[in-house]
N, C-alpha and C. Protein backbone atom coordinates (compact mmCIF):
# COMPACT_ATOMS: atom_id res chain seq x y z
N ASP A 1 2.80 -4.02 -11.18
CA ASP A 1 2.98 -3.26 -12.41
C ASP A 1 3.75 -4.13 -13.40
N VAL A 2 3.09 -4.49 -14.52
CA VAL A 2 3.76 -5.28 -15.56
C VAL A 2 3.81 -4.50 -16.87
N SER A 3 3.82 -3.17 -16.77
CA SER A 3 3.89 -2.34 -17.97
C SER A 3 5.28 -2.45 -18.60
N GLY A 4 5.40 -1.90 -19.81
CA GLY A 4 6.66 -2.03 -20.54
C GLY A 4 7.85 -1.43 -19.82
N SER A 5 7.63 -0.36 -19.05
CA SER A 5 8.74 0.28 -18.34
C SER A 5 9.26 -0.56 -17.19
N MET A 6 8.55 -1.65 -16.84
CA MET A 6 8.99 -2.55 -15.77
C MET A 6 9.87 -3.68 -16.29
N SER A 7 10.21 -3.65 -17.56
CA SER A 7 11.05 -4.69 -18.12
C SER A 7 12.38 -4.74 -17.36
N GLY A 8 12.74 -5.94 -16.92
CA GLY A 8 13.97 -6.13 -16.16
C GLY A 8 13.81 -5.91 -14.66
N LYS A 9 12.63 -5.47 -14.22
CA LYS A 9 12.40 -5.18 -12.80
C LYS A 9 11.43 -6.17 -12.16
N ILE A 10 10.71 -6.95 -12.96
CA ILE A 10 9.66 -7.81 -12.42
C ILE A 10 10.24 -8.90 -11.51
N GLY A 11 11.40 -9.42 -11.84
CA GLY A 11 12.02 -10.43 -10.97
C GLY A 11 12.31 -9.88 -9.59
N THR A 12 12.83 -8.66 -9.52
CA THR A 12 13.07 -8.00 -8.23
C THR A 12 11.78 -7.82 -7.46
N LEU A 13 10.75 -7.38 -8.18
CA LEU A 13 9.43 -7.19 -7.56
C LEU A 13 8.93 -8.50 -6.96
N ALA A 14 8.98 -9.57 -7.74
CA ALA A 14 8.41 -10.86 -7.31
C ALA A 14 9.16 -11.42 -6.10
N GLN A 15 10.48 -11.39 -6.13
CA GLN A 15 11.26 -11.96 -5.03
C GLN A 15 11.07 -11.15 -3.74
N GLY A 16 11.06 -9.84 -3.85
CA GLY A 16 10.91 -9.01 -2.66
C GLY A 16 9.56 -9.18 -1.99
N VAL A 17 8.50 -9.06 -2.77
CA VAL A 17 7.16 -9.22 -2.21
C VAL A 17 6.93 -10.64 -1.76
N GLY A 18 7.45 -11.62 -2.50
CA GLY A 18 7.26 -13.02 -2.12
C GLY A 18 7.86 -13.34 -0.78
N GLN A 19 9.08 -12.87 -0.53
CA GLN A 19 9.71 -13.14 0.77
C GLN A 19 8.99 -12.42 1.90
N ALA A 20 8.44 -11.26 1.61
CA ALA A 20 7.69 -10.55 2.64
C ALA A 20 6.37 -11.27 2.96
N VAL A 21 5.67 -11.72 1.92
CA VAL A 21 4.42 -12.45 2.12
C VAL A 21 4.69 -13.76 2.87
N ALA A 22 5.85 -14.35 2.64
CA ALA A 22 6.19 -15.60 3.32
C ALA A 22 6.29 -15.41 4.83
N ALA A 23 6.46 -14.19 5.29
CA ALA A 23 6.53 -13.92 6.72
C ALA A 23 5.15 -13.90 7.38
N LEU A 24 4.09 -13.93 6.57
CA LEU A 24 2.74 -13.96 7.11
C LEU A 24 2.41 -15.37 7.60
N ARG A 25 1.29 -15.48 8.30
CA ARG A 25 0.85 -16.78 8.81
C ARG A 25 0.06 -17.53 7.73
N PRO A 26 0.03 -18.86 7.79
CA PRO A 26 -0.73 -19.62 6.78
C PRO A 26 -2.21 -19.25 6.74
N GLU A 27 -2.75 -18.77 7.88
CA GLU A 27 -4.16 -18.40 7.89
C GLU A 27 -4.40 -17.01 7.30
N ASP A 28 -3.33 -16.27 7.04
CA ASP A 28 -3.47 -15.00 6.32
C ASP A 28 -3.67 -15.29 4.83
N ARG A 29 -4.06 -14.26 4.10
CA ARG A 29 -4.35 -14.46 2.68
C ARG A 29 -3.72 -13.35 1.85
N PHE A 30 -3.51 -13.65 0.59
CA PHE A 30 -3.04 -12.63 -0.34
C PHE A 30 -3.67 -12.86 -1.70
N ARG A 31 -3.62 -11.85 -2.51
CA ARG A 31 -3.97 -12.01 -3.93
C ARG A 31 -3.10 -11.06 -4.73
N ILE A 32 -2.94 -11.34 -6.00
CA ILE A 32 -2.03 -10.59 -6.85
C ILE A 32 -2.80 -9.98 -8.00
N ILE A 33 -2.74 -8.66 -8.09
CA ILE A 33 -3.34 -7.91 -9.18
C ILE A 33 -2.21 -7.38 -10.06
N THR A 34 -2.25 -7.69 -11.33
CA THR A 34 -1.29 -7.10 -12.26
C THR A 34 -2.00 -6.03 -13.09
N PHE A 35 -1.23 -5.08 -13.57
CA PHE A 35 -1.84 -4.05 -14.40
C PHE A 35 -0.82 -3.49 -15.38
N ASN A 36 -1.30 -3.20 -16.56
CA ASN A 36 -0.61 -2.37 -17.54
C ASN A 36 -1.69 -1.50 -18.18
N ASN A 37 -2.12 -1.79 -19.41
CA ASN A 37 -3.26 -1.06 -19.97
C ASN A 37 -4.53 -1.33 -19.17
N ARG A 38 -4.64 -2.54 -18.64
CA ARG A 38 -5.80 -2.93 -17.83
C ARG A 38 -5.31 -3.77 -16.65
N ALA A 39 -6.21 -4.03 -15.73
CA ALA A 39 -5.87 -4.80 -14.53
C ALA A 39 -6.39 -6.22 -14.64
N GLN A 40 -5.71 -7.14 -13.96
CA GLN A 40 -6.13 -8.55 -13.98
C GLN A 40 -5.81 -9.18 -12.62
N ASP A 41 -6.78 -9.91 -12.07
CA ASP A 41 -6.58 -10.66 -10.82
C ASP A 41 -6.05 -12.03 -11.20
N ILE A 42 -4.73 -12.20 -11.18
CA ILE A 42 -4.16 -13.44 -11.70
C ILE A 42 -4.31 -14.61 -10.74
N THR A 43 -4.54 -14.35 -9.45
CA THR A 43 -4.78 -15.45 -8.51
C THR A 43 -6.25 -15.86 -8.48
N HIS A 44 -7.10 -15.10 -9.17
CA HIS A 44 -8.55 -15.36 -9.20
C HIS A 44 -9.12 -15.42 -7.79
N GLY A 45 -8.80 -14.42 -6.99
CA GLY A 45 -9.31 -14.35 -5.63
C GLY A 45 -8.21 -14.56 -4.60
N TRP A 46 -8.62 -14.73 -3.36
CA TRP A 46 -7.68 -14.83 -2.25
C TRP A 46 -7.03 -16.21 -2.17
N VAL A 47 -5.75 -16.22 -1.77
CA VAL A 47 -4.97 -17.45 -1.65
C VAL A 47 -4.37 -17.50 -0.25
N ALA A 48 -4.43 -18.65 0.40
CA ALA A 48 -3.82 -18.79 1.74
C ALA A 48 -2.30 -18.60 1.62
N ALA A 49 -1.72 -17.91 2.60
CA ALA A 49 -0.29 -17.59 2.56
C ALA A 49 0.57 -18.75 3.08
N THR A 50 0.36 -19.92 2.52
CA THR A 50 1.19 -21.08 2.88
C THR A 50 2.50 -21.01 2.10
N PRO A 51 3.55 -21.65 2.59
CA PRO A 51 4.83 -21.63 1.84
C PRO A 51 4.69 -22.13 0.41
N ALA A 52 3.89 -23.17 0.21
CA ALA A 52 3.72 -23.71 -1.14
C ALA A 52 3.07 -22.70 -2.06
N ASN A 53 2.02 -22.03 -1.57
CA ASN A 53 1.33 -21.04 -2.40
C ASN A 53 2.23 -19.85 -2.70
N VAL A 54 2.98 -19.41 -1.71
CA VAL A 54 3.88 -18.28 -1.92
C VAL A 54 4.92 -18.62 -2.99
N ASN A 55 5.54 -19.79 -2.88
CA ASN A 55 6.55 -20.21 -3.86
C ASN A 55 5.96 -20.31 -5.27
N THR A 56 4.75 -20.87 -5.35
CA THR A 56 4.11 -21.04 -6.65
C THR A 56 3.88 -19.69 -7.32
N TRP A 57 3.36 -18.74 -6.55
CA TRP A 57 3.00 -17.47 -7.16
C TRP A 57 4.19 -16.56 -7.39
N VAL A 58 5.22 -16.67 -6.59
CA VAL A 58 6.45 -15.93 -6.88
C VAL A 58 7.02 -16.38 -8.23
N GLU A 59 7.02 -17.68 -8.45
CA GLU A 59 7.53 -18.22 -9.71
C GLU A 59 6.70 -17.74 -10.89
N ARG A 60 5.38 -17.73 -10.72
CA ARG A 60 4.52 -17.31 -11.82
C ARG A 60 4.69 -15.82 -12.12
N VAL A 61 4.81 -15.01 -11.07
CA VAL A 61 4.99 -13.57 -11.28
C VAL A 61 6.34 -13.30 -11.95
N THR A 62 7.36 -14.03 -11.56
CA THR A 62 8.69 -13.85 -12.15
C THR A 62 8.67 -14.05 -13.66
N GLN A 63 7.78 -14.93 -14.13
CA GLN A 63 7.72 -15.26 -15.56
C GLN A 63 6.78 -14.35 -16.36
N LEU A 64 6.14 -13.39 -15.70
CA LEU A 64 5.22 -12.51 -16.41
C LEU A 64 5.99 -11.60 -17.37
N PRO A 65 5.48 -11.43 -18.58
CA PRO A 65 6.13 -10.51 -19.52
C PRO A 65 5.73 -9.07 -19.22
N ALA A 66 6.64 -8.14 -19.51
CA ALA A 66 6.34 -6.72 -19.34
C ALA A 66 5.94 -6.14 -20.69
N GLY A 67 4.91 -5.28 -20.66
CA GLY A 67 4.47 -4.67 -21.91
C GLY A 67 3.27 -3.77 -21.67
N GLY A 68 3.08 -2.82 -22.56
CA GLY A 68 1.93 -1.92 -22.46
C GLY A 68 2.22 -0.69 -21.63
N SER A 69 1.19 0.11 -21.43
CA SER A 69 1.30 1.34 -20.67
C SER A 69 0.93 1.09 -19.21
N THR A 70 0.86 2.16 -18.40
CA THR A 70 0.67 2.01 -16.95
C THR A 70 -0.64 2.65 -16.52
N ASN A 71 -1.67 1.83 -16.33
CA ASN A 71 -2.97 2.31 -15.86
C ASN A 71 -3.09 1.98 -14.38
N LEU A 72 -2.51 2.84 -13.55
CA LEU A 72 -2.50 2.61 -12.11
C LEU A 72 -3.91 2.62 -11.53
N TYR A 73 -4.77 3.46 -12.08
CA TYR A 73 -6.15 3.55 -11.58
C TYR A 73 -6.86 2.20 -11.71
N ALA A 74 -6.68 1.53 -12.83
CA ALA A 74 -7.31 0.22 -13.02
C ALA A 74 -6.81 -0.77 -11.99
N GLY A 75 -5.51 -0.77 -11.69
CA GLY A 75 -4.97 -1.69 -10.70
C GLY A 75 -5.48 -1.41 -9.31
N VAL A 76 -5.51 -0.14 -8.92
CA VAL A 76 -5.94 0.23 -7.57
C VAL A 76 -7.42 -0.09 -7.36
N THR A 77 -8.27 0.25 -8.32
CA THR A 77 -9.70 0.01 -8.13
C THR A 77 -10.02 -1.48 -8.08
N MET A 78 -9.29 -2.29 -8.85
CA MET A 78 -9.55 -3.74 -8.80
C MET A 78 -9.13 -4.32 -7.46
N CYS A 79 -7.99 -3.87 -6.92
CA CYS A 79 -7.52 -4.47 -5.67
C CYS A 79 -8.39 -4.08 -4.49
N LEU A 80 -9.22 -3.06 -4.63
CA LEU A 80 -10.10 -2.65 -3.55
C LEU A 80 -11.45 -3.37 -3.59
N LYS A 81 -11.64 -4.23 -4.56
CA LYS A 81 -12.89 -4.99 -4.65
C LYS A 81 -12.81 -6.24 -3.78
N ASP A 82 -13.97 -6.69 -3.31
CA ASP A 82 -14.11 -7.96 -2.59
C ASP A 82 -13.25 -8.01 -1.33
N LEU A 83 -13.15 -6.89 -0.61
CA LEU A 83 -12.43 -6.89 0.67
C LEU A 83 -13.32 -7.48 1.74
N ASP A 84 -12.72 -8.09 2.72
CA ASP A 84 -13.44 -8.73 3.82
C ASP A 84 -13.51 -7.77 4.99
N ASP A 85 -14.73 -7.42 5.43
CA ASP A 85 -14.90 -6.42 6.48
C ASP A 85 -14.27 -6.82 7.82
N ASP A 86 -14.16 -8.13 8.09
CA ASP A 86 -13.63 -8.55 9.39
C ASP A 86 -12.14 -8.89 9.34
N ARG A 87 -11.45 -8.47 8.28
CA ARG A 87 -10.01 -8.68 8.18
C ARG A 87 -9.32 -7.34 7.91
N ALA A 88 -8.17 -7.14 8.53
CA ALA A 88 -7.34 -5.98 8.19
C ALA A 88 -6.79 -6.17 6.78
N SER A 89 -6.93 -5.16 5.94
CA SER A 89 -6.53 -5.28 4.54
C SER A 89 -5.44 -4.27 4.19
N THR A 90 -4.52 -4.70 3.36
CA THR A 90 -3.38 -3.87 2.98
C THR A 90 -3.13 -3.98 1.49
N VAL A 91 -2.79 -2.87 0.87
CA VAL A 91 -2.38 -2.85 -0.53
C VAL A 91 -0.89 -2.57 -0.59
N VAL A 92 -0.14 -3.46 -1.21
CA VAL A 92 1.29 -3.26 -1.44
C VAL A 92 1.48 -3.06 -2.94
N LEU A 93 1.86 -1.86 -3.31
CA LEU A 93 2.06 -1.54 -4.72
C LEU A 93 3.55 -1.43 -5.01
N VAL A 94 4.02 -2.24 -5.94
CA VAL A 94 5.41 -2.14 -6.40
C VAL A 94 5.37 -1.73 -7.87
N THR A 95 5.93 -0.58 -8.18
CA THR A 95 5.81 -0.02 -9.51
C THR A 95 6.97 0.93 -9.77
N ASP A 96 7.20 1.24 -11.03
CA ASP A 96 8.13 2.32 -11.33
C ASP A 96 7.38 3.65 -11.38
N GLY A 97 6.06 3.58 -11.20
CA GLY A 97 5.25 4.78 -11.01
C GLY A 97 5.10 5.66 -12.23
N VAL A 98 5.42 5.16 -13.42
CA VAL A 98 5.28 5.97 -14.63
C VAL A 98 3.83 5.89 -15.09
N THR A 99 2.93 6.59 -14.40
CA THR A 99 1.50 6.51 -14.67
C THR A 99 1.17 7.34 -15.89
N ASN A 100 0.74 6.69 -16.98
CA ASN A 100 0.54 7.42 -18.23
C ASN A 100 -0.74 7.06 -18.96
N THR A 101 -1.61 6.28 -18.34
CA THR A 101 -2.86 5.88 -18.98
C THR A 101 -3.98 5.89 -17.93
N GLY A 102 -5.19 6.19 -18.38
CA GLY A 102 -6.32 6.17 -17.46
C GLY A 102 -6.37 7.42 -16.59
N ILE A 103 -7.05 7.32 -15.45
CA ILE A 103 -7.21 8.45 -14.54
C ILE A 103 -5.93 8.65 -13.74
N VAL A 104 -5.41 9.86 -13.72
CA VAL A 104 -4.19 10.16 -12.97
C VAL A 104 -4.38 11.32 -11.99
N SER A 105 -5.62 11.78 -11.81
CA SER A 105 -5.90 12.91 -10.92
C SER A 105 -5.70 12.52 -9.47
N PRO A 106 -4.82 13.22 -8.72
CA PRO A 106 -4.63 12.91 -7.30
C PRO A 106 -5.93 13.01 -6.49
N LYS A 107 -6.82 13.95 -6.85
CA LYS A 107 -8.07 14.10 -6.13
C LYS A 107 -8.93 12.84 -6.23
N THR A 108 -8.93 12.22 -7.40
CA THR A 108 -9.71 11.00 -7.60
C THR A 108 -9.16 9.87 -6.76
N PHE A 109 -7.83 9.72 -6.73
CA PHE A 109 -7.21 8.68 -5.91
C PHE A 109 -7.45 8.95 -4.43
N LEU A 110 -7.41 10.21 -4.02
CA LEU A 110 -7.65 10.56 -2.62
C LEU A 110 -9.06 10.15 -2.21
N ALA A 111 -10.04 10.41 -3.06
CA ALA A 111 -11.42 10.03 -2.76
C ALA A 111 -11.56 8.53 -2.61
N ILE A 112 -10.87 7.77 -3.45
CA ILE A 112 -10.94 6.30 -3.37
C ILE A 112 -10.33 5.80 -2.08
N MET A 113 -9.11 6.25 -1.77
CA MET A 113 -8.40 5.74 -0.60
C MET A 113 -9.06 6.15 0.70
N SER A 114 -9.76 7.27 0.71
CA SER A 114 -10.43 7.73 1.93
C SER A 114 -11.69 6.93 2.21
N THR A 115 -12.19 6.23 1.21
CA THR A 115 -13.44 5.48 1.34
C THR A 115 -13.24 4.10 1.96
N TYR A 116 -12.09 3.48 1.70
CA TYR A 116 -11.86 2.09 2.10
C TYR A 116 -10.97 1.98 3.33
N ASP A 117 -11.20 0.91 4.11
CA ASP A 117 -10.39 0.63 5.29
C ASP A 117 -9.19 -0.22 4.88
N VAL A 118 -8.22 0.42 4.27
CA VAL A 118 -7.01 -0.28 3.85
C VAL A 118 -5.79 0.56 4.21
N ARG A 119 -4.67 -0.09 4.35
CA ARG A 119 -3.39 0.59 4.45
C ARG A 119 -2.70 0.44 3.10
N PHE A 120 -2.13 1.52 2.61
CA PHE A 120 -1.55 1.53 1.27
C PHE A 120 -0.06 1.82 1.38
N PHE A 121 0.76 0.93 0.79
CA PHE A 121 2.21 1.11 0.81
C PHE A 121 2.72 1.09 -0.62
N GLY A 122 3.43 2.13 -1.00
CA GLY A 122 3.96 2.24 -2.35
C GLY A 122 5.47 2.10 -2.37
N PHE A 123 5.98 1.15 -3.13
CA PHE A 123 7.42 0.93 -3.27
C PHE A 123 7.79 1.20 -4.74
N LEU A 124 8.61 2.22 -4.93
CA LEU A 124 8.85 2.75 -6.26
C LEU A 124 10.23 2.36 -6.77
N LEU A 125 10.25 1.71 -7.93
CA LEU A 125 11.48 1.30 -8.58
C LEU A 125 11.81 2.30 -9.69
N GLY A 126 12.96 2.93 -9.62
CA GLY A 126 13.36 3.85 -10.68
C GLY A 126 13.15 5.30 -10.28
N ASN A 127 13.57 6.19 -11.17
CA ASN A 127 13.57 7.62 -10.87
C ASN A 127 12.47 8.41 -11.57
N SER A 128 11.58 7.70 -12.28
CA SER A 128 10.56 8.41 -13.05
C SER A 128 9.18 8.29 -12.42
N ALA A 129 9.13 7.96 -11.14
CA ALA A 129 7.86 7.68 -10.47
C ALA A 129 7.05 8.96 -10.26
N ASN A 130 5.74 8.77 -10.18
CA ASN A 130 4.82 9.86 -9.85
C ASN A 130 4.74 9.97 -8.33
N TRP A 131 5.74 10.59 -7.74
CA TRP A 131 5.81 10.68 -6.27
C TRP A 131 4.61 11.42 -5.66
N PRO A 132 4.14 12.53 -6.24
CA PRO A 132 2.98 13.20 -5.64
C PRO A 132 1.76 12.31 -5.54
N LEU A 133 1.53 11.49 -6.56
CA LEU A 133 0.38 10.59 -6.54
C LEU A 133 0.55 9.52 -5.46
N MET A 134 1.75 8.97 -5.32
CA MET A 134 2.00 8.00 -4.26
C MET A 134 1.75 8.62 -2.89
N ARG A 135 2.20 9.85 -2.71
CA ARG A 135 2.04 10.52 -1.43
C ARG A 135 0.57 10.69 -1.07
N VAL A 136 -0.24 11.07 -2.03
CA VAL A 136 -1.67 11.25 -1.80
C VAL A 136 -2.31 9.96 -1.31
N MET A 137 -2.04 8.85 -1.99
CA MET A 137 -2.67 7.58 -1.64
C MET A 137 -2.19 7.07 -0.28
N CYS A 138 -0.90 7.19 -0.01
CA CYS A 138 -0.37 6.68 1.25
C CYS A 138 -0.82 7.53 2.43
N ASP A 139 -0.80 8.84 2.27
CA ASP A 139 -1.22 9.72 3.36
C ASP A 139 -2.69 9.52 3.69
N ALA A 140 -3.51 9.30 2.67
CA ALA A 140 -4.95 9.12 2.89
C ALA A 140 -5.25 7.84 3.65
N SER A 141 -4.39 6.83 3.54
CA SER A 141 -4.68 5.53 4.14
C SER A 141 -3.83 5.25 5.38
N GLY A 142 -2.88 6.14 5.70
CA GLY A 142 -2.02 5.90 6.84
C GLY A 142 -0.83 5.02 6.55
N GLY A 143 -0.55 4.78 5.28
CA GLY A 143 0.61 3.99 4.90
C GLY A 143 1.80 4.87 4.61
N PHE A 144 2.75 4.36 3.84
CA PHE A 144 3.89 5.18 3.45
C PHE A 144 4.41 4.72 2.10
N TYR A 145 5.27 5.53 1.51
CA TYR A 145 5.87 5.19 0.22
C TYR A 145 7.36 5.46 0.30
N THR A 146 8.12 4.74 -0.48
CA THR A 146 9.56 4.92 -0.48
C THR A 146 10.15 4.37 -1.76
N GLY A 147 11.32 4.85 -2.11
CA GLY A 147 12.03 4.31 -3.26
C GLY A 147 12.79 3.06 -2.87
N VAL A 148 12.82 2.07 -3.75
CA VAL A 148 13.56 0.83 -3.50
C VAL A 148 14.38 0.50 -4.74
N SER A 149 15.47 -0.24 -4.53
CA SER A 149 16.33 -0.58 -5.66
C SER A 149 16.50 -2.07 -5.86
N ASN A 150 16.16 -2.88 -4.84
CA ASN A 150 16.32 -4.32 -4.98
C ASN A 150 15.34 -5.03 -4.07
N SER A 151 15.33 -6.36 -4.13
CA SER A 151 14.35 -7.14 -3.37
C SER A 151 14.56 -7.01 -1.87
N ASP A 152 15.83 -6.85 -1.43
CA ASP A 152 16.09 -6.68 0.00
C ASP A 152 15.45 -5.40 0.52
N ASP A 153 15.51 -4.34 -0.28
CA ASP A 153 14.87 -3.09 0.13
C ASP A 153 13.38 -3.29 0.33
N ILE A 154 12.74 -4.00 -0.60
CA ILE A 154 11.29 -4.22 -0.50
C ILE A 154 10.97 -5.01 0.76
N ILE A 155 11.73 -6.06 1.03
CA ILE A 155 11.49 -6.89 2.22
C ILE A 155 11.60 -6.05 3.48
N GLY A 156 12.67 -5.27 3.58
CA GLY A 156 12.87 -4.46 4.77
C GLY A 156 11.75 -3.47 5.00
N GLN A 157 11.29 -2.83 3.94
CA GLN A 157 10.23 -1.84 4.09
C GLN A 157 8.91 -2.48 4.46
N ILE A 158 8.61 -3.64 3.89
CA ILE A 158 7.35 -4.31 4.24
C ILE A 158 7.40 -4.80 5.68
N MET A 159 8.56 -5.23 6.14
CA MET A 159 8.67 -5.65 7.53
C MET A 159 8.44 -4.47 8.48
N LEU A 160 8.89 -3.28 8.09
CA LEU A 160 8.62 -2.09 8.89
C LEU A 160 7.12 -1.81 8.97
N ALA A 161 6.41 -2.18 7.93
CA ALA A 161 4.97 -1.92 7.88
C ALA A 161 4.14 -3.06 8.46
N LYS A 162 4.78 -4.11 8.98
CA LYS A 162 4.06 -5.33 9.32
C LYS A 162 2.96 -5.11 10.35
N SER A 163 3.21 -4.29 11.38
CA SER A 163 2.16 -4.09 12.38
C SER A 163 0.95 -3.38 11.79
N LYS A 164 1.18 -2.54 10.79
CA LYS A 164 0.05 -1.91 10.12
C LYS A 164 -0.66 -2.91 9.22
N VAL A 165 0.07 -3.89 8.72
CA VAL A 165 -0.51 -4.90 7.84
C VAL A 165 -1.40 -5.86 8.61
N THR A 166 -1.00 -6.23 9.82
CA THR A 166 -1.66 -7.33 10.54
C THR A 166 -2.61 -6.88 11.63
N HIS A 167 -2.71 -5.59 11.91
CA HIS A 167 -3.60 -5.13 12.97
C HIS A 167 -4.52 -4.04 12.44
N GLU A 168 -5.76 -4.06 12.92
CA GLU A 168 -6.72 -3.05 12.52
C GLU A 168 -6.36 -1.70 13.12
N ALA A 169 -6.81 -0.65 12.47
CA ALA A 169 -6.55 0.71 12.94
C ALA A 169 -7.72 1.22 13.77
N LEU A 170 -7.43 2.23 14.61
CA LEU A 170 -8.47 2.98 15.31
C LEU A 170 -8.93 4.07 14.35
N HIS A 171 -10.21 4.10 14.06
CA HIS A 171 -10.73 5.01 13.04
C HIS A 171 -11.35 6.26 13.64
N GLN A 172 -11.29 7.34 12.87
CA GLN A 172 -11.90 8.62 13.24
C GLN A 172 -11.47 9.05 14.64
N ALA A 173 -10.20 8.83 14.94
CA ALA A 173 -9.68 9.22 16.26
C ALA A 173 -9.55 10.73 16.35
N SER A 174 -9.82 11.26 17.52
CA SER A 174 -9.65 12.69 17.76
C SER A 174 -9.18 12.90 19.19
N LEU A 175 -8.59 14.03 19.46
CA LEU A 175 -8.03 14.33 20.78
C LEU A 175 -8.67 15.61 21.31
N LYS A 176 -9.09 15.55 22.58
CA LYS A 176 -9.66 16.73 23.22
C LYS A 176 -8.93 16.95 24.54
N VAL A 177 -8.39 18.15 24.72
CA VAL A 177 -7.67 18.50 25.93
C VAL A 177 -8.50 19.50 26.73
N GLU A 178 -8.75 19.20 28.01
CA GLU A 178 -9.57 20.07 28.85
C GLU A 178 -8.72 20.62 29.99
N GLY A 179 -9.03 21.83 30.41
CA GLY A 179 -8.32 22.44 31.53
C GLY A 179 -7.08 23.18 31.07
N GLY A 180 -6.64 24.14 31.89
CA GLY A 180 -5.40 24.85 31.60
C GLY A 180 -5.50 25.85 30.47
N LYS A 181 -6.72 26.10 30.00
CA LYS A 181 -6.92 27.06 28.92
C LYS A 181 -5.99 26.77 27.73
N VAL A 182 -6.13 25.56 27.23
CA VAL A 182 -5.29 25.12 26.11
C VAL A 182 -5.78 25.78 24.82
N PHE A 183 -4.85 26.21 23.99
CA PHE A 183 -5.21 26.82 22.72
C PHE A 183 -4.11 26.55 21.68
N ASP A 184 -4.40 26.91 20.44
CA ASP A 184 -3.47 26.70 19.32
C ASP A 184 -2.99 25.25 19.23
N VAL A 185 -3.91 24.32 19.45
CA VAL A 185 -3.56 22.90 19.36
C VAL A 185 -3.52 22.50 17.89
N SER A 186 -2.50 21.72 17.51
CA SER A 186 -2.44 21.21 16.14
C SER A 186 -3.65 20.33 15.88
N ASP A 187 -3.93 20.06 14.64
CA ASP A 187 -5.16 19.40 14.22
C ASP A 187 -5.52 18.23 15.13
N PRO A 188 -6.62 18.32 15.90
CA PRO A 188 -6.99 17.25 16.83
C PRO A 188 -7.67 16.07 16.14
N ASN A 189 -8.04 16.22 14.87
CA ASN A 189 -8.69 15.13 14.15
C ASN A 189 -7.61 14.24 13.54
N LEU A 190 -7.31 13.16 14.24
CA LEU A 190 -6.18 12.32 13.87
C LEU A 190 -6.48 11.33 12.76
N GLY A 191 -7.77 11.06 12.54
CA GLY A 191 -8.13 10.09 11.50
C GLY A 191 -7.82 8.68 11.94
N LYS A 192 -6.94 7.99 11.21
CA LYS A 192 -6.56 6.62 11.55
C LYS A 192 -5.34 6.63 12.48
N VAL A 193 -5.39 5.78 13.50
CA VAL A 193 -4.25 5.60 14.40
C VAL A 193 -3.92 4.12 14.43
N TYR A 194 -2.64 3.79 14.21
CA TYR A 194 -2.23 2.40 14.09
C TYR A 194 -1.51 1.91 15.33
N ARG A 195 -1.52 0.62 15.50
CA ARG A 195 -0.82 -0.04 16.61
C ARG A 195 0.66 0.38 16.64
N GLY A 196 1.09 0.87 17.80
CA GLY A 196 2.48 1.25 17.96
C GLY A 196 2.83 2.62 17.40
N GLN A 197 1.86 3.33 16.87
CA GLN A 197 2.14 4.62 16.25
C GLN A 197 2.37 5.68 17.31
N GLN A 198 3.38 6.49 17.14
CA GLN A 198 3.66 7.59 18.06
C GLN A 198 2.93 8.84 17.57
N LEU A 199 2.22 9.48 18.50
CA LEU A 199 1.49 10.69 18.17
C LEU A 199 2.17 11.88 18.85
N VAL A 200 2.35 12.94 18.11
CA VAL A 200 2.92 14.17 18.65
C VAL A 200 1.95 15.30 18.37
N ILE A 201 1.43 15.93 19.43
CA ILE A 201 0.47 17.01 19.31
C ILE A 201 1.09 18.27 19.92
N PHE A 202 1.04 19.35 19.22
CA PHE A 202 1.57 20.63 19.73
C PHE A 202 0.44 21.56 20.12
N GLY A 203 0.70 22.39 21.10
CA GLY A 203 -0.29 23.37 21.51
C GLY A 203 0.29 24.33 22.54
N ARG A 204 -0.55 25.22 23.02
CA ARG A 204 -0.14 26.19 24.04
C ARG A 204 -1.13 26.13 25.19
N TYR A 205 -0.70 26.60 26.36
CA TYR A 205 -1.62 26.66 27.50
C TYR A 205 -1.25 27.84 28.39
N ASN A 206 -2.26 28.32 29.12
CA ASN A 206 -2.03 29.38 30.11
C ASN A 206 -1.87 28.77 31.48
N GLN A 207 -1.01 29.33 32.29
CA GLN A 207 -0.86 28.81 33.65
C GLN A 207 -2.09 29.15 34.48
């Protein structure tokens, strides 16, 4: 997010995400999408996550000027293009979440996130964020969202998400319990299940 409301926050964004990306392997890849009134792929495609590339792009992002409004829809739809089917893909969004241009309907974002095999993580800077919209996108993809105040917060949260970032999910998972006359089971359609994820299912049974 390089909109005008991000003035003074872009350096924090760049350092936090840069240090987190540096924890990836050189054979991993990243790309950087910026957005304000419109979206732009400033890396012009995927870049290997080598230390040199990470340092170069952190520096370039740090120098980006802030200006314009916040068209989150343009940024999200661009970052979902040209995904590689045989790689686990993740979207890391760092924004103040003041979505004020373009499509802002949660239903539209839900439809988009439910279509793609990505994990979505939203890190929100400031108190004016569109939290309901972040929740919709993260819940639909199996990611999470949280408020952050500095680059260390961003690093810590991305490290918590690392196993979801680097491993594929089990899709369309469901649970079926047989025997014991089980009933009133919580939703058995689990959707996506991630490596290391703890599942808690409630229900009743007759002896």
